[in-house]
C-alpha atoms as a PDB file:
ATOM      1  CA  UNK A   1       0.783  -9.144  11.495  1.00  0.00           C
ATOM      2  CA  UNK A   2      -0.043  -5.704  10.114  1.00  0.00           C
ATOM      3  CA  UNK A   3      -3.131  -7.084   8.357  1.00  0.00           C
ATOM      4  CA  UNK A   4      -4.329  -8.390  11.722  1.00  0.00           C
ATOM      5  CA  UNK A   5      -3.860  -4.937  13.266  1.00  0.00           C
ATOM      6  CA  UNK A   6      -5.826  -3.367  10.405  1.00  0.00           C
ATOM      7  CA  UNK A   7      -8.611  -5.929  10.929  1.00  0.00           C
ATOM      8  CA  UNK A   8      -8.725  -4.972  14.623  1.00  0.00           C
ATOM      9  CA  UNK A   9      -9.014  -1.290  13.694  1.00  0.00           C
ATOM     10  CA  UNK A  10     -11.798  -2.167  11.254  1.00  0.00           C
ATOM     11  CA  UNK A  11     -13.722  -3.987  13.994  1.00  0.00           C
ATOM     12  CA  UNK A  12     -13.548  -0.909  16.234  1.00  0.00           C
ATOM     13  CA  UNK A  13     -14.429   1.628  13.560  1.00  0.00           C
ATOM     14  CA  UNK A  14     -14.970   0.930   9.888  1.00  0.00           C
ATOM     15  CA  UNK A  15     -13.005   3.324   7.697  1.00  0.00           C
ATOM     16  CA  UNK A  16     -11.904   2.709   4.120  1.00  0.00           C
ATOM     17  CA  UNK A  17      -8.408   1.203   3.939  1.00  0.00           C
ATOM     18  CA  UNK A  18      -6.039   1.834   1.050  1.00  0.00           C
ATOM     19  CA  UNK A  19      -2.611   0.261   0.661  1.00  0.00           C
ATOM     20  CA  UNK A  20       0.412   1.887  -0.951  1.00  0.00           C
ATOM     21  CA  UNK A  21       2.856  -0.959  -1.384  1.00  0.00           C
ATOM     22  CA  UNK A  22       6.385  -1.361  -2.680  1.00  0.00           C
ATOM     23  CA  UNK A  23       8.219  -4.631  -2.269  1.00  0.00           C
ATOM     24  CA  UNK A  24      11.545  -6.284  -2.995  1.00  0.00           C
ATOM     25  CA  UNK A  25      11.908  -9.741  -4.475  1.00  0.00           C
ATOM     26  CA  UNK A  26      12.684 -11.468  -1.179  1.00  0.00           C
ATOM     27  CA  UNK A  27       8.990 -11.281  -0.192  1.00  0.00           C
ATOM     28  CA  UNK A  28       5.978 -13.342  -1.245  1.00  0.00           C
ATOM     29  CA  UNK A  29       3.643 -10.664  -2.607  1.00  0.00           C
ATOM     30  CA  UNK A  30       0.581 -12.890  -3.112  1.00  0.00           C
ATOM     31  CA  UNK A  31       0.862 -14.189   0.460  1.00  0.00           C
ATOM     32  CA  UNK A  32       1.283 -10.644   1.752  1.00  0.00           C
ATOM     33  CA  UNK A  33      -1.783  -9.406  -0.116  1.00  0.00           C
ATOM     34  CA  UNK A  34      -3.975 -12.395   0.807  1.00  0.00           C
ATOM     35  CA  UNK A  35      -3.774 -11.292   4.443  1.00  0.00           C
ATOM     36  CA  UNK A  36      -5.683  -8.124   3.450  1.00  0.00           C
ATOM     37  CA  UNK A  37      -8.567  -9.860   1.643  1.00  0.00           C
ATOM     38  CA  UNK A  38     -11.858  -8.264   2.635  1.00  0.00           C
ATOM     39  CA  UNK A  39     -10.174  -5.291   4.317  1.00  0.00           C
ATOM     40  CA  UNK A  40      -8.865  -3.132   1.477  1.00  0.00           C
ATOM     41  CA  UNK A  41     -10.649  -0.781  -0.918  1.00  0.00           C
ATOM     42  CA  UNK A  42      -7.717  -0.652  -3.327  1.00  0.00           C
ATOM     43  CA  UNK A  43      -3.979  -1.293  -3.513  1.00  0.00           C
ATOM     44  CA  UNK A  44      -1.588   1.114  -5.198  1.00  0.00           C
ATOM     45  CA  UNK A  45       1.764  -0.453  -6.090  1.00  0.00           C
ATOM     46  CA  UNK A  46       4.798   1.797  -6.367  1.00  0.00           C
ATOM     47  CA  UNK A  47       8.494   1.387  -7.146  1.00  0.00           C
ATOM     48  CA  UNK A  48      11.223   1.492  -4.535  1.00  0.00           C
ATOM     49  CA  UNK A  49      13.832   4.007  -5.629  1.00  0.00           C
ATOM     50  CA  UNK A  50      17.375   2.813  -6.044  1.00  0.00           C
ATOM     51  CA  UNK A  51      16.640  -0.867  -5.458  1.00  0.00           C
ATOM     52  CA  UNK A  52      17.492  -3.359  -8.163  1.00  0.00           C
ATOM     53  CA  UNK A  53      15.634  -5.957  -6.074  1.00  0.00           C
ATOM     54  CA  UNK A  54      12.291  -4.132  -6.241  1.00  0.00           C
ATOM     55  CA  UNK A  55       9.293  -5.874  -7.732  1.00  0.00           C
ATOM     56  CA  UNK A  56       7.985  -3.860 -10.667  1.00  0.00           C
ATOM     57  CA  UNK A  57       4.711  -2.129  -9.716  1.00  0.00           C
ATOM     58  CA  UNK A  58       2.865  -3.792 -12.630  1.00  0.00           C
ATOM     59  CA  UNK A  59       3.966  -7.249 -11.474  1.00  0.00           C
ATOM     60  CA  UNK A  60       3.123  -6.329  -7.889  1.00  0.00           C
ATOM     61  CA  UNK A  61      -0.343  -5.150  -8.968  1.00  0.00           C
ATOM     62  CA  UNK A  62      -0.887  -8.482 -10.710  1.00  0.00           C
ATOM     63  CA  UNK A  63       0.085 -10.280  -7.485  1.00  0.00           C
ATOM     64  CA  UNK A  64      -2.468  -8.222  -5.555  1.00  0.00           C
ATOM     65  CA  UNK A  65      -5.064  -9.097  -8.192  1.00  0.00           C
ATOM     66  CA  UNK A  66      -4.128 -12.793  -7.862  1.00  0.00           C
ATOM     67  CA  UNK A  67      -4.794 -12.430  -4.121  1.00  0.00           C
ATOM     68  CA  UNK A  68      -8.284 -11.103  -4.863  1.00  0.00           C
ATOM     69  CA  UNK A  69      -7.629  -7.377  -4.437  1.00  0.00           C
ATOM     70  CA  UNK A  70      -8.200  -4.411  -6.733  1.00  0.00           C
ATOM     71  CA  UNK A  71      -4.808  -2.926  -7.558  1.00  0.00           C
ATOM     72  CA  UNK A  72      -3.181  -0.332  -9.772  1.00  0.00           C
ATOM     73  CA  UNK A  73       0.476   0.451 -10.478  1.00  0.00           C
ATOM     74  CA  UNK A  74       1.579   4.027  -9.827  1.00  0.00           C
ATOM     75  CA  UNK A  75       4.811   5.900 -10.509  1.00  0.00           C
ATOM     76  CA  UNK A  76       5.160   7.480  -7.056  1.00  0.00           C
ATOM     77  CA  UNK A  77       3.683   7.493  -3.571  1.00  0.00           C
ATOM     78  CA  UNK A  78       2.506  11.040  -4.283  1.00  0.00           C
ATOM     79  CA  UNK A  79       0.598   9.809  -7.332  1.00  0.00           C
ATOM     80  CA  UNK A  80      -1.005   7.089  -5.199  1.00  0.00           C
ATOM     81  CA  UNK A  81      -2.070   9.643  -2.593  1.00  0.00           C
ATOM     82  CA  UNK A  82      -3.609  11.821  -5.305  1.00  0.00           C
ATOM     83  CA  UNK A  83      -5.483   8.809  -6.714  1.00  0.00           C
ATOM     84  CA  UNK A  84      -6.862   8.028  -3.257  1.00  0.00           C
ATOM     85  CA  UNK A  85      -7.899  11.650  -2.791  1.00  0.00           C
ATOM     86  CA  UNK A  86      -9.687  11.595  -6.151  1.00  0.00           C
ATOM     87  CA  UNK A  87     -11.987   8.710  -5.168  1.00  0.00           C
ATOM     88  CA  UNK A  88     -12.867   9.906  -1.677  1.00  0.00           C
ATOM     89  CA  UNK A  89     -16.206  11.395  -0.772  1.00  0.00           C
ATOM     90  CA  UNK A  90     -15.456  14.546   1.275  1.00  0.00           C
ATOM     91  CA  UNK A  91     -18.537  13.837   3.399  1.00  0.00           C
ATOM     92  CA  UNK A  92     -17.484  10.266   4.208  1.00  0.00           C
ATOM     93  CA  UNK A  93     -15.181   8.974   6.917  1.00  0.00           C
ATOM     94  CA  UNK A  94     -11.492   9.647   6.320  1.00  0.00           C
ATOM     95  CA  UNK A  95      -9.481   6.724   4.983  1.00  0.00           C
ATOM     96  CA  UNK A  96      -6.765   4.702   6.582  1.00  0.00           C
ATOM     97  CA  UNK A  97      -3.715   4.620   4.352  1.00  0.00           C
ATOM     98  CA  UNK A  98      -1.054   2.003   4.981  1.00  0.00           C
ATOM     99  CA  UNK A  99       2.323   2.488   3.323  1.00  0.00           C
ATOM    100  CA  UNK A 100       4.203  -0.769   3.540  1.00  0.00           C
ATOM    101  CA  UNK A 101       5.665  -3.876   2.000  1.00  0.00           C
ATOM    102  CA  UNK A 102       9.255  -2.775   2.505  1.00  0.00           C
ATOM    103  CA  UNK A 103      11.259  -0.688   4.920  1.00  0.00           C
ATOM    104  CA  UNK A 104      13.048   0.690   1.862  1.00  0.00           C
ATOM    105  CA  UNK A 105       9.764   2.215   0.690  1.00  0.00           C
ATOM    106  CA  UNK A 106       9.096   3.675   4.126  1.00  0.00           C
ATOM    107  CA  UNK A 107      12.601   5.169   4.011  1.00  0.00           C
ATOM    108  CA  UNK A 108      11.777   6.757   0.645  1.00  0.00           C
ATOM    109  CA  UNK A 109       8.591   8.265   2.096  1.00  0.00           C
ATOM    110  CA  UNK A 110      10.393   9.624   5.157  1.00  0.00           C
ATOM    111  CA  UNK A 111      13.117  11.139   2.972  1.00  0.00           C
ATOM    112  CA  UNK A 112      10.508  12.776   0.715  1.00  0.00           C
ATOM    113  CA  UNK A 113       8.737  14.088   3.802  1.00  0.00           C
ATOM    114  CA  UNK A 114      11.953  15.601   5.147  1.00  0.00           C
ATOM    115  CA  UNK A 115      12.013  13.310   8.175  1.00  0.00           C
ATOM    116  CA  UNK A 116      14.625  10.642   7.438  1.00  0.00           C
ATOM    117  CA  UNK A 117      15.463   8.262  10.275  1.00  0.00           C
ATOM    118  CA  UNK A 118      18.302   9.283  12.552  1.00  0.00           C
END
């Protein structure tokens, strides 16, 4: 579903898309990533804090690779954002950055941002 929305955005205006993904072991990572084939510049896989069910970022990166995407494991979302910033051309269009794969990861990001859900 989200990959379809990103494809619709891409049709309207082409901007580079990066994924920052964390996932737990109840999901099919290869199936998830296949939906983004042809849309994504690079995937950054991160851990989900405090979840024993998380898929290790290295394993998750391999799943993205198996789906045909370029992927790299990272230690934190902040590290992934810095890696994205490092490859961007300041004169080019700004990127789209999708943080997803798990609501637990989104919760981590909101907590780090100081805006946890109420």
